[in-house]
């Protein structure tokens, strides 16, 4: 359960980083 949420956190944080990039 912990590993699932850690993986999900990593995915969404990467997506947020991309959305907040200067290019976007």
PDBML (XML) file of the C-alpha atoms, coordinates in Angstrom:
<?xml version="1.0" encoding="UTF-8" ?>
<PDBx:datablock datablockName="MODEL"
   xmlns:PDBx="http://pdbml.pdb.org/schema/pdbx-v50.xsd"
   xmlns:xsi="http://www.w3.org/2001/XMLSchema-instance"
   xsi:schemaLocation="http://pdbml.pdb.org/schema/pdbx-v50.xsd pdbx-v50.xsd">
   <PDBx:atom_siteCategory>
      <PDBx:atom_site id="1">
         <PDBx:B_iso_or_equiv>0.00</PDBx:B_iso_or_equiv>
         <PDBx:Cartn_x>0.000</PDBx:Cartn_x>
         <PDBx:Cartn_y>0.000</PDBx:Cartn_y>
         <PDBx:Cartn_z>0.000</PDBx:Cartn_z>
         <PDBx:auth_asym_id>A</PDBx:auth_asym_id>
         <PDBx:auth_atom_id>CA</PDBx:auth_atom_id>
         <PDBx:auth_comp_id>UNK</PDBx:auth_comp_id>
         <PDBx:auth_seq_id>1</PDBx:auth_seq_id>
         <PDBx:group_PDB>ATOM</PDBx:group_PDB>
         <PDBx:label_alt_id xsi:nil="true" />
         <PDBx:label_asym_id>A</PDBx:label_asym_id>
         <PDBx:label_atom_id>CA</PDBx:label_atom_id>
         <PDBx:label_comp_id>UNK</PDBx:label_comp_id>
         <PDBx:label_entity_id>1</PDBx:label_entity_id>
         <PDBx:label_seq_id>1</PDBx:label_seq_id>
         <PDBx:occupancy>1.00</PDBx:occupancy>
         <PDBx:pdbx_PDB_model_num>1</PDBx:pdbx_PDB_model_num>
         <PDBx:type_symbol>C</PDBx:type_symbol>
      </PDBx:atom_site>
      <PDBx:atom_site id="2">
         <PDBx:B_iso_or_equiv>0.00</PDBx:B_iso_or_equiv>
         <PDBx:Cartn_x>2.821</PDBx:Cartn_x>
         <PDBx:Cartn_y>2.369</PDBx:Cartn_y>
         <PDBx:Cartn_z>0.879</PDBx:Cartn_z>
         <PDBx:auth_asym_id>A</PDBx:auth_asym_id>
         <PDBx:auth_atom_id>CA</PDBx:auth_atom_id>
         <PDBx:auth_comp_id>UNK</PDBx:auth_comp_id>
         <PDBx:auth_seq_id>2</PDBx:auth_seq_id>
         <PDBx:group_PDB>ATOM</PDBx:group_PDB>
         <PDBx:label_alt_id xsi:nil="true" />
         <PDBx:label_asym_id>A</PDBx:label_asym_id>
         <PDBx:label_atom_id>CA</PDBx:label_atom_id>
         <PDBx:label_comp_id>UNK</PDBx:label_comp_id>
         <PDBx:label_entity_id>1</PDBx:label_entity_id>
         <PDBx:label_seq_id>2</PDBx:label_seq_id>
         <PDBx:occupancy>1.00</PDBx:occupancy>
         <PDBx:pdbx_PDB_model_num>1</PDBx:pdbx_PDB_model_num>
         <PDBx:type_symbol>C</PDBx:type_symbol>
      </PDBx:atom_site>
      <PDBx:atom_site id="3">
         <PDBx:B_iso_or_equiv>0.00</PDBx:B_iso_or_equiv>
         <PDBx:Cartn_x>4.705</PDBx:Cartn_x>
         <PDBx:Cartn_y>1.459</PDBx:Cartn_y>
         <PDBx:Cartn_z>-2.303</PDBx:Cartn_z>
         <PDBx:auth_asym_id>A</PDBx:auth_asym_id>
         <PDBx:auth_atom_id>CA</PDBx:auth_atom_id>
         <PDBx:auth_comp_id>UNK</PDBx:auth_comp_id>
         <PDBx:auth_seq_id>3</PDBx:auth_seq_id>
         <PDBx:group_PDB>ATOM</PDBx:group_PDB>
         <PDBx:label_alt_id xsi:nil="true" />
         <PDBx:label_asym_id>A</PDBx:label_asym_id>
         <PDBx:label_atom_id>CA</PDBx:label_atom_id>
         <PDBx:label_comp_id>UNK</PDBx:label_comp_id>
         <PDBx:label_entity_id>1</PDBx:label_entity_id>
         <PDBx:label_seq_id>3</PDBx:label_seq_id>
         <PDBx:occupancy>1.00</PDBx:occupancy>
         <PDBx:pdbx_PDB_model_num>1</PDBx:pdbx_PDB_model_num>
         <PDBx:type_symbol>C</PDBx:type_symbol>
      </PDBx:atom_site>
      <PDBx:atom_site id="4">
         <PDBx:B_iso_or_equiv>0.00</PDBx:B_iso_or_equiv>
         <PDBx:Cartn_x>1.571</PDBx:Cartn_x>
         <PDBx:Cartn_y>2.075</PDBx:Cartn_y>
         <PDBx:Cartn_z>-4.402</PDBx:Cartn_z>
         <PDBx:auth_asym_id>A</PDBx:auth_asym_id>
         <PDBx:auth_atom_id>CA</PDBx:auth_atom_id>
         <PDBx:auth_comp_id>UNK</PDBx:auth_comp_id>
         <PDBx:auth_seq_id>4</PDBx:auth_seq_id>
         <PDBx:group_PDB>ATOM</PDBx:group_PDB>
         <PDBx:label_alt_id xsi:nil="true" />
         <PDBx:label_asym_id>A</PDBx:label_asym_id>
         <PDBx:label_atom_id>CA</PDBx:label_atom_id>
         <PDBx:label_comp_id>UNK</PDBx:label_comp_id>
         <PDBx:label_entity_id>1</PDBx:label_entity_id>
         <PDBx:label_seq_id>4</PDBx:label_seq_id>
         <PDBx:occupancy>1.00</PDBx:occupancy>
         <PDBx:pdbx_PDB_model_num>1</PDBx:pdbx_PDB_model_num>
         <PDBx:type_symbol>C</PDBx:type_symbol>
      </PDBx:atom_site>
      <PDBx:atom_site id="5">
         <PDBx:B_iso_or_equiv>0.00</PDBx:B_iso_or_equiv>
         <PDBx:Cartn_x>1.136</PDBx:Cartn_x>
         <PDBx:Cartn_y>5.591</PDBx:Cartn_y>
         <PDBx:Cartn_z>-3.016</PDBx:Cartn_z>
         <PDBx:auth_asym_id>A</PDBx:auth_asym_id>
         <PDBx:auth_atom_id>CA</PDBx:auth_atom_id>
         <PDBx:auth_comp_id>UNK</PDBx:auth_comp_id>
         <PDBx:auth_seq_id>5</PDBx:auth_seq_id>
         <PDBx:group_PDB>ATOM</PDBx:group_PDB>
         <PDBx:label_alt_id xsi:nil="true" />
         <PDBx:label_asym_id>A</PDBx:label_asym_id>
         <PDBx:label_atom_id>CA</PDBx:label_atom_id>
         <PDBx:label_comp_id>UNK</PDBx:label_comp_id>
         <PDBx:label_entity_id>1</PDBx:label_entity_id>
         <PDBx:label_seq_id>5</PDBx:label_seq_id>
         <PDBx:occupancy>1.00</PDBx:occupancy>
         <PDBx:pdbx_PDB_model_num>1</PDBx:pdbx_PDB_model_num>
         <PDBx:type_symbol>C</PDBx:type_symbol>
      </PDBx:atom_site>
      <PDBx:atom_site id="6">
         <PDBx:B_iso_or_equiv>0.00</PDBx:B_iso_or_equiv>
         <PDBx:Cartn_x>4.863</PDBx:Cartn_x>
         <PDBx:Cartn_y>6.355</PDBx:Cartn_y>
         <PDBx:Cartn_z>-3.300</PDBx:Cartn_z>
         <PDBx:auth_asym_id>A</PDBx:auth_asym_id>
         <PDBx:auth_atom_id>CA</PDBx:auth_atom_id>
         <PDBx:auth_comp_id>UNK</PDBx:auth_comp_id>
         <PDBx:auth_seq_id>6</PDBx:auth_seq_id>
         <PDBx:group_PDB>ATOM</PDBx:group_PDB>
         <PDBx:label_alt_id xsi:nil="true" />
         <PDBx:label_asym_id>A</PDBx:label_asym_id>
         <PDBx:label_atom_id>CA</PDBx:label_atom_id>
         <PDBx:label_comp_id>UNK</PDBx:label_comp_id>
         <PDBx:label_entity_id>1</PDBx:label_entity_id>
         <PDBx:label_seq_id>6</PDBx:label_seq_id>
         <PDBx:occupancy>1.00</PDBx:occupancy>
         <PDBx:pdbx_PDB_model_num>1</PDBx:pdbx_PDB_model_num>
         <PDBx:type_symbol>C</PDBx:type_symbol>
      </PDBx:atom_site>
      <PDBx:atom_site id="7">
         <PDBx:B_iso_or_equiv>0.00</PDBx:B_iso_or_equiv>
         <PDBx:Cartn_x>4.751</PDBx:Cartn_x>
         <PDBx:Cartn_y>5.370</PDBx:Cartn_y>
         <PDBx:Cartn_z>-6.970</PDBx:Cartn_z>
         <PDBx:auth_asym_id>A</PDBx:auth_asym_id>
         <PDBx:auth_atom_id>CA</PDBx:auth_atom_id>
         <PDBx:auth_comp_id>UNK</PDBx:auth_comp_id>
         <PDBx:auth_seq_id>7</PDBx:auth_seq_id>
         <PDBx:group_PDB>ATOM</PDBx:group_PDB>
         <PDBx:label_alt_id xsi:nil="true" />
         <PDBx:label_asym_id>A</PDBx:label_asym_id>
         <PDBx:label_atom_id>CA</PDBx:label_atom_id>
         <PDBx:label_comp_id>UNK</PDBx:label_comp_id>
         <PDBx:label_entity_id>1</PDBx:label_entity_id>
         <PDBx:label_seq_id>7</PDBx:label_seq_id>
         <PDBx:occupancy>1.00</PDBx:occupancy>
         <PDBx:pdbx_PDB_model_num>1</PDBx:pdbx_PDB_model_num>
         <PDBx:type_symbol>C</PDBx:type_symbol>
      </PDBx:atom_site>
      <PDBx:atom_site id="8">
         <PDBx:B_iso_or_equiv>0.00</PDBx:B_iso_or_equiv>
         <PDBx:Cartn_x>1.622</PDBx:Cartn_x>
         <PDBx:Cartn_y>7.429</PDBx:Cartn_y>
         <PDBx:Cartn_z>-7.528</PDBx:Cartn_z>
         <PDBx:auth_asym_id>A</PDBx:auth_asym_id>
         <PDBx:auth_atom_id>CA</PDBx:auth_atom_id>
         <PDBx:auth_comp_id>UNK</PDBx:auth_comp_id>
         <PDBx:auth_seq_id>8</PDBx:auth_seq_id>
         <PDBx:group_PDB>ATOM</PDBx:group_PDB>
         <PDBx:label_alt_id xsi:nil="true" />
         <PDBx:label_asym_id>A</PDBx:label_asym_id>
         <PDBx:label_atom_id>CA</PDBx:label_atom_id>
         <PDBx:label_comp_id>UNK</PDBx:label_comp_id>
         <PDBx:label_entity_id>1</PDBx:label_entity_id>
         <PDBx:label_seq_id>8</PDBx:label_seq_id>
         <PDBx:occupancy>1.00</PDBx:occupancy>
         <PDBx:pdbx_PDB_model_num>1</PDBx:pdbx_PDB_model_num>
         <PDBx:type_symbol>C</PDBx:type_symbol>
      </PDBx:atom_site>
      <PDBx:atom_site id="9">
         <PDBx:B_iso_or_equiv>0.00</PDBx:B_iso_or_equiv>
         <PDBx:Cartn_x>3.184</PDBx:Cartn_x>
         <PDBx:Cartn_y>10.420</PDBx:Cartn_y>
         <PDBx:Cartn_z>-5.754</PDBx:Cartn_z>
         <PDBx:auth_asym_id>A</PDBx:auth_asym_id>
         <PDBx:auth_atom_id>CA</PDBx:auth_atom_id>
         <PDBx:auth_comp_id>UNK</PDBx:auth_comp_id>
         <PDBx:auth_seq_id>9</PDBx:auth_seq_id>
         <PDBx:group_PDB>ATOM</PDBx:group_PDB>
         <PDBx:label_alt_id xsi:nil="true" />
         <PDBx:label_asym_id>A</PDBx:label_asym_id>
         <PDBx:label_atom_id>CA</PDBx:label_atom_id>
         <PDBx:label_comp_id>UNK</PDBx:label_comp_id>
         <PDBx:label_entity_id>1</PDBx:label_entity_id>
         <PDBx:label_seq_id>9</PDBx:label_seq_id>
         <PDBx:occupancy>1.00</PDBx:occupancy>
         <PDBx:pdbx_PDB_model_num>1</PDBx:pdbx_PDB_model_num>
         <PDBx:type_symbol>C</PDBx:type_symbol>
      </PDBx:atom_site>
      <PDBx:atom_site id="10">
         <PDBx:B_iso_or_equiv>0.00</PDBx:B_iso_or_equiv>
         <PDBx:Cartn_x>6.258</PDBx:Cartn_x>
         <PDBx:Cartn_y>10.157</PDBx:Cartn_y>
         <PDBx:Cartn_z>-7.972</PDBx:Cartn_z>
         <PDBx:auth_asym_id>A</PDBx:auth_asym_id>
         <PDBx:auth_atom_id>CA</PDBx:auth_atom_id>
         <PDBx:auth_comp_id>UNK</PDBx:auth_comp_id>
         <PDBx:auth_seq_id>10</PDBx:auth_seq_id>
         <PDBx:group_PDB>ATOM</PDBx:group_PDB>
         <PDBx:label_alt_id xsi:nil="true" />
         <PDBx:label_asym_id>A</PDBx:label_asym_id>
         <PDBx:label_atom_id>CA</PDBx:label_atom_id>
         <PDBx:label_comp_id>UNK</PDBx:label_comp_id>
         <PDBx:label_entity_id>1</PDBx:label_entity_id>
         <PDBx:label_seq_id>10</PDBx:label_seq_id>
         <PDBx:occupancy>1.00</PDBx:occupancy>
         <PDBx:pdbx_PDB_model_num>1</PDBx:pdbx_PDB_model_num>
         <PDBx:type_symbol>C</PDBx:type_symbol>
      </PDBx:atom_site>
      <PDBx:atom_site id="11">
         <PDBx:B_iso_or_equiv>0.00</PDBx:B_iso_or_equiv>
         <PDBx:Cartn_x>4.145</PDBx:Cartn_x>
         <PDBx:Cartn_y>10.011</PDBx:Cartn_y>
         <PDBx:Cartn_z>-11.148</PDBx:Cartn_z>
         <PDBx:auth_asym_id>A</PDBx:auth_asym_id>
         <PDBx:auth_atom_id>CA</PDBx:auth_atom_id>
         <PDBx:auth_comp_id>UNK</PDBx:auth_comp_id>
         <PDBx:auth_seq_id>11</PDBx:auth_seq_id>
         <PDBx:group_PDB>ATOM</PDBx:group_PDB>
         <PDBx:label_alt_id xsi:nil="true" />
         <PDBx:label_asym_id>A</PDBx:label_asym_id>
         <PDBx:label_atom_id>CA</PDBx:label_atom_id>
         <PDBx:label_comp_id>UNK</PDBx:label_comp_id>
         <PDBx:label_entity_id>1</PDBx:label_entity_id>
         <PDBx:label_seq_id>11</PDBx:label_seq_id>
         <PDBx:occupancy>1.00</PDBx:occupancy>
         <PDBx:pdbx_PDB_model_num>1</PDBx:pdbx_PDB_model_num>
         <PDBx:type_symbol>C</PDBx:type_symbol>
      </PDBx:atom_site>
      <PDBx:atom_site id="12">
         <PDBx:B_iso_or_equiv>0.00</PDBx:B_iso_or_equiv>
         <PDBx:Cartn_x>1.986</PDBx:Cartn_x>
         <PDBx:Cartn_y>12.984</PDBx:Cartn_y>
         <PDBx:Cartn_z>-10.253</PDBx:Cartn_z>
         <PDBx:auth_asym_id>A</PDBx:auth_asym_id>
         <PDBx:auth_atom_id>CA</PDBx:auth_atom_id>
         <PDBx:auth_comp_id>UNK</PDBx:auth_comp_id>
         <PDBx:auth_seq_id>12</PDBx:auth_seq_id>
         <PDBx:group_PDB>ATOM</PDBx:group_PDB>
         <PDBx:label_alt_id xsi:nil="true" />
         <PDBx:label_asym_id>A</PDBx:label_asym_id>
         <PDBx:label_atom_id>CA</PDBx:label_atom_id>
         <PDBx:label_comp_id>UNK</PDBx:label_comp_id>
         <PDBx:label_entity_id>1</PDBx:label_entity_id>
         <PDBx:label_seq_id>12</PDBx:label_seq_id>
         <PDBx:occupancy>1.00</PDBx:occupancy>
         <PDBx:pdbx_PDB_model_num>1</PDBx:pdbx_PDB_model_num>
         <PDBx:type_symbol>C</PDBx:type_symbol>
      </PDBx:atom_site>
      <PDBx:atom_site id="13">
         <PDBx:B_iso_or_equiv>0.00</PDBx:B_iso_or_equiv>
         <PDBx:Cartn_x>4.942</PDBx:Cartn_x>
         <PDBx:Cartn_y>15.046</PDBx:Cartn_y>
         <PDBx:Cartn_z>-9.027</PDBx:Cartn_z>
         <PDBx:auth_asym_id>A</PDBx:auth_asym_id>
         <PDBx:auth_atom_id>CA</PDBx:auth_atom_id>
         <PDBx:auth_comp_id>UNK</PDBx:auth_comp_id>
         <PDBx:auth_seq_id>13</PDBx:auth_seq_id>
         <PDBx:group_PDB>ATOM</PDBx:group_PDB>
         <PDBx:label_alt_id xsi:nil="true" />
         <PDBx:label_asym_id>A</PDBx:label_asym_id>
         <PDBx:label_atom_id>CA</PDBx:label_atom_id>
         <PDBx:label_comp_id>UNK</PDBx:label_comp_id>
         <PDBx:label_entity_id>1</PDBx:label_entity_id>
         <PDBx:label_seq_id>13</PDBx:label_seq_id>
         <PDBx:occupancy>1.00</PDBx:occupancy>
         <PDBx:pdbx_PDB_model_num>1</PDBx:pdbx_PDB_model_num>
         <PDBx:type_symbol>C</PDBx:type_symbol>
      </PDBx:atom_site>
      <PDBx:atom_site id="14">
         <PDBx:B_iso_or_equiv>0.00</PDBx:B_iso_or_equiv>
         <PDBx:Cartn_x>6.706</PDBx:Cartn_x>
         <PDBx:Cartn_y>14.422</PDBx:Cartn_y>
         <PDBx:Cartn_z>-12.344</PDBx:Cartn_z>
         <PDBx:auth_asym_id>A</PDBx:auth_asym_id>
         <PDBx:auth_atom_id>CA</PDBx:auth_atom_id>
         <PDBx:auth_comp_id>UNK</PDBx:auth_comp_id>
         <PDBx:auth_seq_id>14</PDBx:auth_seq_id>
         <PDBx:group_PDB>ATOM</PDBx:group_PDB>
         <PDBx:label_alt_id xsi:nil="true" />
         <PDBx:label_asym_id>A</PDBx:label_asym_id>
         <PDBx:label_atom_id>CA</PDBx:label_atom_id>
         <PDBx:label_comp_id>UNK</PDBx:label_comp_id>
         <PDBx:label_entity_id>1</PDBx:label_entity_id>
         <PDBx:label_seq_id>14</PDBx:label_seq_id>
         <PDBx:occupancy>1.00</PDBx:occupancy>
         <PDBx:pdbx_PDB_model_num>1</PDBx:pdbx_PDB_model_num>
         <PDBx:type_symbol>C</PDBx:type_symbol>
      </PDBx:atom_site>
      <PDBx:atom_site id="15">
         <PDBx:B_iso_or_equiv>0.00</PDBx:B_iso_or_equiv>
         <PDBx:Cartn_x>3.583</PDBx:Cartn_x>
         <PDBx:Cartn_y>15.481</PDBx:Cartn_y>
         <PDBx:Cartn_z>-14.188</PDBx:Cartn_z>
         <PDBx:auth_asym_id>A</PDBx:auth_asym_id>
         <PDBx:auth_atom_id>CA</PDBx:auth_atom_id>
         <PDBx:auth_comp_id>UNK</PDBx:auth_comp_id>
         <PDBx:auth_seq_id>15</PDBx:auth_seq_id>
         <PDBx:group_PDB>ATOM</PDBx:group_PDB>
         <PDBx:label_alt_id xsi:nil="true" />
         <PDBx:label_asym_id>A</PDBx:label_asym_id>
         <PDBx:label_atom_id>CA</PDBx:label_atom_id>
         <PDBx:label_comp_id>UNK</PDBx:label_comp_id>
         <PDBx:label_entity_id>1</PDBx:label_entity_id>
         <PDBx:label_seq_id>15</PDBx:label_seq_id>
         <PDBx:occupancy>1.00</PDBx:occupancy>
         <PDBx:pdbx_PDB_model_num>1</PDBx:pdbx_PDB_model_num>
         <PDBx:type_symbol>C</PDBx:type_symbol>
      </PDBx:atom_site>
      <PDBx:atom_site id="16">
         <PDBx:B_iso_or_equiv>0.00</PDBx:B_iso_or_equiv>
         <PDBx:Cartn_x>3.305</PDBx:Cartn_x>
         <PDBx:Cartn_y>18.626</PDBx:Cartn_y>
         <PDBx:Cartn_z>-12.047</PDBx:Cartn_z>
         <PDBx:auth_asym_id>A</PDBx:auth_asym_id>
         <PDBx:auth_atom_id>CA</PDBx:auth_atom_id>
         <PDBx:auth_comp_id>UNK</PDBx:auth_comp_id>
         <PDBx:auth_seq_id>16</PDBx:auth_seq_id>
         <PDBx:group_PDB>ATOM</PDBx:group_PDB>
         <PDBx:label_alt_id xsi:nil="true" />
         <PDBx:label_asym_id>A</PDBx:label_asym_id>
         <PDBx:label_atom_id>CA</PDBx:label_atom_id>
         <PDBx:label_comp_id>UNK</PDBx:label_comp_id>
         <PDBx:label_entity_id>1</PDBx:label_entity_id>
         <PDBx:label_seq_id>16</PDBx:label_seq_id>
         <PDBx:occupancy>1.00</PDBx:occupancy>
         <PDBx:pdbx_PDB_model_num>1</PDBx:pdbx_PDB_model_num>
         <PDBx:type_symbol>C</PDBx:type_symbol>
      </PDBx:atom_site>
      <PDBx:atom_site id="17">
         <PDBx:B_iso_or_equiv>0.00</PDBx:B_iso_or_equiv>
         <PDBx:Cartn_x>6.970</PDBx:Cartn_x>
         <PDBx:Cartn_y>19.451</PDBx:Cartn_y>
         <PDBx:Cartn_z>-12.718</PDBx:Cartn_z>
         <PDBx:auth_asym_id>A</PDBx:auth_asym_id>
         <PDBx:auth_atom_id>CA</PDBx:auth_atom_id>
         <PDBx:auth_comp_id>UNK</PDBx:auth_comp_id>
         <PDBx:auth_seq_id>17</PDBx:auth_seq_id>
         <PDBx:group_PDB>ATOM</PDBx:group_PDB>
         <PDBx:label_alt_id xsi:nil="true" />
         <PDBx:label_asym_id>A</PDBx:label_asym_id>
         <PDBx:label_atom_id>CA</PDBx:label_atom_id>
         <PDBx:label_comp_id>UNK</PDBx:label_comp_id>
         <PDBx:label_entity_id>1</PDBx:label_entity_id>
         <PDBx:label_seq_id>17</PDBx:label_seq_id>
         <PDBx:occupancy>1.00</PDBx:occupancy>
         <PDBx:pdbx_PDB_model_num>1</PDBx:pdbx_PDB_model_num>
         <PDBx:type_symbol>C</PDBx:type_symbol>
      </PDBx:atom_site>
      <PDBx:atom_site id="18">
         <PDBx:B_iso_or_equiv>0.00</PDBx:B_iso_or_equiv>
         <PDBx:Cartn_x>6.310</PDBx:Cartn_x>
         <PDBx:Cartn_y>19.153</PDBx:Cartn_y>
         <PDBx:Cartn_z>-16.443</PDBx:Cartn_z>
         <PDBx:auth_asym_id>A</PDBx:auth_asym_id>
         <PDBx:auth_atom_id>CA</PDBx:auth_atom_id>
         <PDBx:auth_comp_id>UNK</PDBx:auth_comp_id>
         <PDBx:auth_seq_id>18</PDBx:auth_seq_id>
         <PDBx:group_PDB>ATOM</PDBx:group_PDB>
         <PDBx:label_alt_id xsi:nil="true" />
         <PDBx:label_asym_id>A</PDBx:label_asym_id>
         <PDBx:label_atom_id>CA</PDBx:label_atom_id>
         <PDBx:label_comp_id>UNK</PDBx:label_comp_id>
         <PDBx:label_entity_id>1</PDBx:label_entity_id>
         <PDBx:label_seq_id>18</PDBx:label_seq_id>
         <PDBx:occupancy>1.00</PDBx:occupancy>
         <PDBx:pdbx_PDB_model_num>1</PDBx:pdbx_PDB_model_num>
         <PDBx:type_symbol>C</PDBx:type_symbol>
      </PDBx:atom_site>
      <PDBx:atom_site id="19">
         <PDBx:B_iso_or_equiv>0.00</PDBx:B_iso_or_equiv>
         <PDBx:Cartn_x>3.162</PDBx:Cartn_x>
         <PDBx:Cartn_y>21.294</PDBx:Cartn_y>
         <PDBx:Cartn_z>-16.267</PDBx:Cartn_z>
         <PDBx:auth_asym_id>A</PDBx:auth_asym_id>
         <PDBx:auth_atom_id>CA</PDBx:auth_atom_id>
         <PDBx:auth_comp_id>UNK</PDBx:auth_comp_id>
         <PDBx:auth_seq_id>19</PDBx:auth_seq_id>
         <PDBx:group_PDB>ATOM</PDBx:group_PDB>
         <PDBx:label_alt_id xsi:nil="true" />
         <PDBx:label_asym_id>A</PDBx:label_asym_id>
         <PDBx:label_atom_id>CA</PDBx:label_atom_id>
         <PDBx:label_comp_id>UNK</PDBx:label_comp_id>
         <PDBx:label_entity_id>1</PDBx:label_entity_id>
         <PDBx:label_seq_id>19</PDBx:label_seq_id>
         <PDBx:occupancy>1.00</PDBx:occupancy>
         <PDBx:pdbx_PDB_model_num>1</PDBx:pdbx_PDB_model_num>
         <PDBx:type_symbol>C</PDBx:type_symbol>
      </PDBx:atom_site>
      <PDBx:atom_site id="20">
         <PDBx:B_iso_or_equiv>0.00</PDBx:B_iso_or_equiv>
         <PDBx:Cartn_x>5.071</PDBx:Cartn_x>
         <PDBx:Cartn_y>23.966</PDBx:Cartn_y>
         <PDBx:Cartn_z>-14.335</PDBx:Cartn_z>
         <PDBx:auth_asym_id>A</PDBx:auth_asym_id>
         <PDBx:auth_atom_id>CA</PDBx:auth_atom_id>
         <PDBx:auth_comp_id>UNK</PDBx:auth_comp_id>
         <PDBx:auth_seq_id>20</PDBx:auth_seq_id>
         <PDBx:group_PDB>ATOM</PDBx:group_PDB>
         <PDBx:label_alt_id xsi:nil="true" />
         <PDBx:label_asym_id>A</PDBx:label_asym_id>
         <PDBx:label_atom_id>CA</PDBx:label_atom_id>
         <PDBx:label_comp_id>UNK</PDBx:label_comp_id>
         <PDBx:label_entity_id>1</PDBx:label_entity_id>
         <PDBx:label_seq_id>20</PDBx:label_seq_id>
         <PDBx:occupancy>1.00</PDBx:occupancy>
         <PDBx:pdbx_PDB_model_num>1</PDBx:pdbx_PDB_model_num>
         <PDBx:type_symbol>C</PDBx:type_symbol>
      </PDBx:atom_site>
      <PDBx:atom_site id="21">
         <PDBx:B_iso_or_equiv>0.00</PDBx:B_iso_or_equiv>
         <PDBx:Cartn_x>8.053</PDBx:Cartn_x>
         <PDBx:Cartn_y>23.955</PDBx:Cartn_y>
         <PDBx:Cartn_z>-16.707</PDBx:Cartn_z>
         <PDBx:auth_asym_id>A</PDBx:auth_asym_id>
         <PDBx:auth_atom_id>CA</PDBx:auth_atom_id>
         <PDBx:auth_comp_id>UNK</PDBx:auth_comp_id>
         <PDBx:auth_seq_id>21</PDBx:auth_seq_id>
         <PDBx:group_PDB>ATOM</PDBx:group_PDB>
         <PDBx:label_alt_id xsi:nil="true" />
         <PDBx:label_asym_id>A</PDBx:label_asym_id>
         <PDBx:label_atom_id>CA</PDBx:label_atom_id>
         <PDBx:label_comp_id>UNK</PDBx:label_comp_id>
         <PDBx:label_entity_id>1</PDBx:label_entity_id>
         <PDBx:label_seq_id>21</PDBx:label_seq_id>
         <PDBx:occupancy>1.00</PDBx:occupancy>
         <PDBx:pdbx_PDB_model_num>1</PDBx:pdbx_PDB_model_num>
         <PDBx:type_symbol>C</PDBx:type_symbol>
      </PDBx:atom_site>
      <PDBx:atom_site id="22">
         <PDBx:B_iso_or_equiv>0.00</PDBx:B_iso_or_equiv>
         <PDBx:Cartn_x>8.947</PDBx:Cartn_x>
         <PDBx:Cartn_y>27.188</PDBx:Cartn_y>
         <PDBx:Cartn_z>-18.457</PDBx:Cartn_z>
         <PDBx:auth_asym_id>A</PDBx:auth_asym_id>
         <PDBx:auth_atom_id>CA</PDBx:auth_atom_id>
         <PDBx:auth_comp_id>UNK</PDBx:auth_comp_id>
         <PDBx:auth_seq_id>22</PDBx:auth_seq_id>
         <PDBx:group_PDB>ATOM</PDBx:group_PDB>
         <PDBx:label_alt_id xsi:nil="true" />
         <PDBx:label_asym_id>A</PDBx:label_asym_id>
         <PDBx:label_atom_id>CA</PDBx:label_atom_id>
         <PDBx:label_comp_id>UNK</PDBx:label_comp_id>
         <PDBx:label_entity_id>1</PDBx:label_entity_id>
         <PDBx:label_seq_id>22</PDBx:label_seq_id>
         <PDBx:occupancy>1.00</PDBx:occupancy>
         <PDBx:pdbx_PDB_model_num>1</PDBx:pdbx_PDB_model_num>
         <PDBx:type_symbol>C</PDBx:type_symbol>
      </PDBx:atom_site>
      <PDBx:atom_site id="23">
         <PDBx:B_iso_or_equiv>0.00</PDBx:B_iso_or_equiv>
         <PDBx:Cartn_x>8.190</PDBx:Cartn_x>
         <PDBx:Cartn_y>25.690</PDBx:Cartn_y>
         <PDBx:Cartn_z>-21.885</PDBx:Cartn_z>
         <PDBx:auth_asym_id>A</PDBx:auth_asym_id>
         <PDBx:auth_atom_id>CA</PDBx:auth_atom_id>
         <PDBx:auth_comp_id>UNK</PDBx:auth_comp_id>
         <PDBx:auth_seq_id>23</PDBx:auth_seq_id>
         <PDBx:group_PDB>ATOM</PDBx:group_PDB>
         <PDBx:label_alt_id xsi:nil="true" />
         <PDBx:label_asym_id>A</PDBx:label_asym_id>
         <PDBx:label_atom_id>CA</PDBx:label_atom_id>
         <PDBx:label_comp_id>UNK</PDBx:label_comp_id>
         <PDBx:label_entity_id>1</PDBx:label_entity_id>
         <PDBx:label_seq_id>23</PDBx:label_seq_id>
         <PDBx:occupancy>1.00</PDBx:occupancy>
         <PDBx:pdbx_PDB_model_num>1</PDBx:pdbx_PDB_model_num>
         <PDBx:type_symbol>C</PDBx:type_symbol>
      </PDBx:atom_site>
      <PDBx:atom_site id="24">
         <PDBx:B_iso_or_equiv>0.00</PDBx:B_iso_or_equiv>
         <PDBx:Cartn_x>4.632</PDBx:Cartn_x>
         <PDBx:Cartn_y>24.797</PDBx:Cartn_y>
         <PDBx:Cartn_z>-20.904</PDBx:Cartn_z>
         <PDBx:auth_asym_id>A</PDBx:auth_asym_id>
         <PDBx:auth_atom_id>CA</PDBx:auth_atom_id>
         <PDBx:auth_comp_id>UNK</PDBx:auth_comp_id>
         <PDBx:auth_seq_id>24</PDBx:auth_seq_id>
         <PDBx:group_PDB>ATOM</PDBx:group_PDB>
         <PDBx:label_alt_id xsi:nil="true" />
         <PDBx:label_asym_id>A</PDBx:label_asym_id>
         <PDBx:label_atom_id>CA</PDBx:label_atom_id>
         <PDBx:label_comp_id>UNK</PDBx:label_comp_id>
         <PDBx:label_entity_id>1</PDBx:label_entity_id>
         <PDBx:label_seq_id>24</PDBx:label_seq_id>
         <PDBx:occupancy>1.00</PDBx:occupancy>
         <PDBx:pdbx_PDB_model_num>1</PDBx:pdbx_PDB_model_num>
         <PDBx:type_symbol>C</PDBx:type_symbol>
      </PDBx:atom_site>
   </PDBx:atom_siteCategory>
</PDBx:datablock>
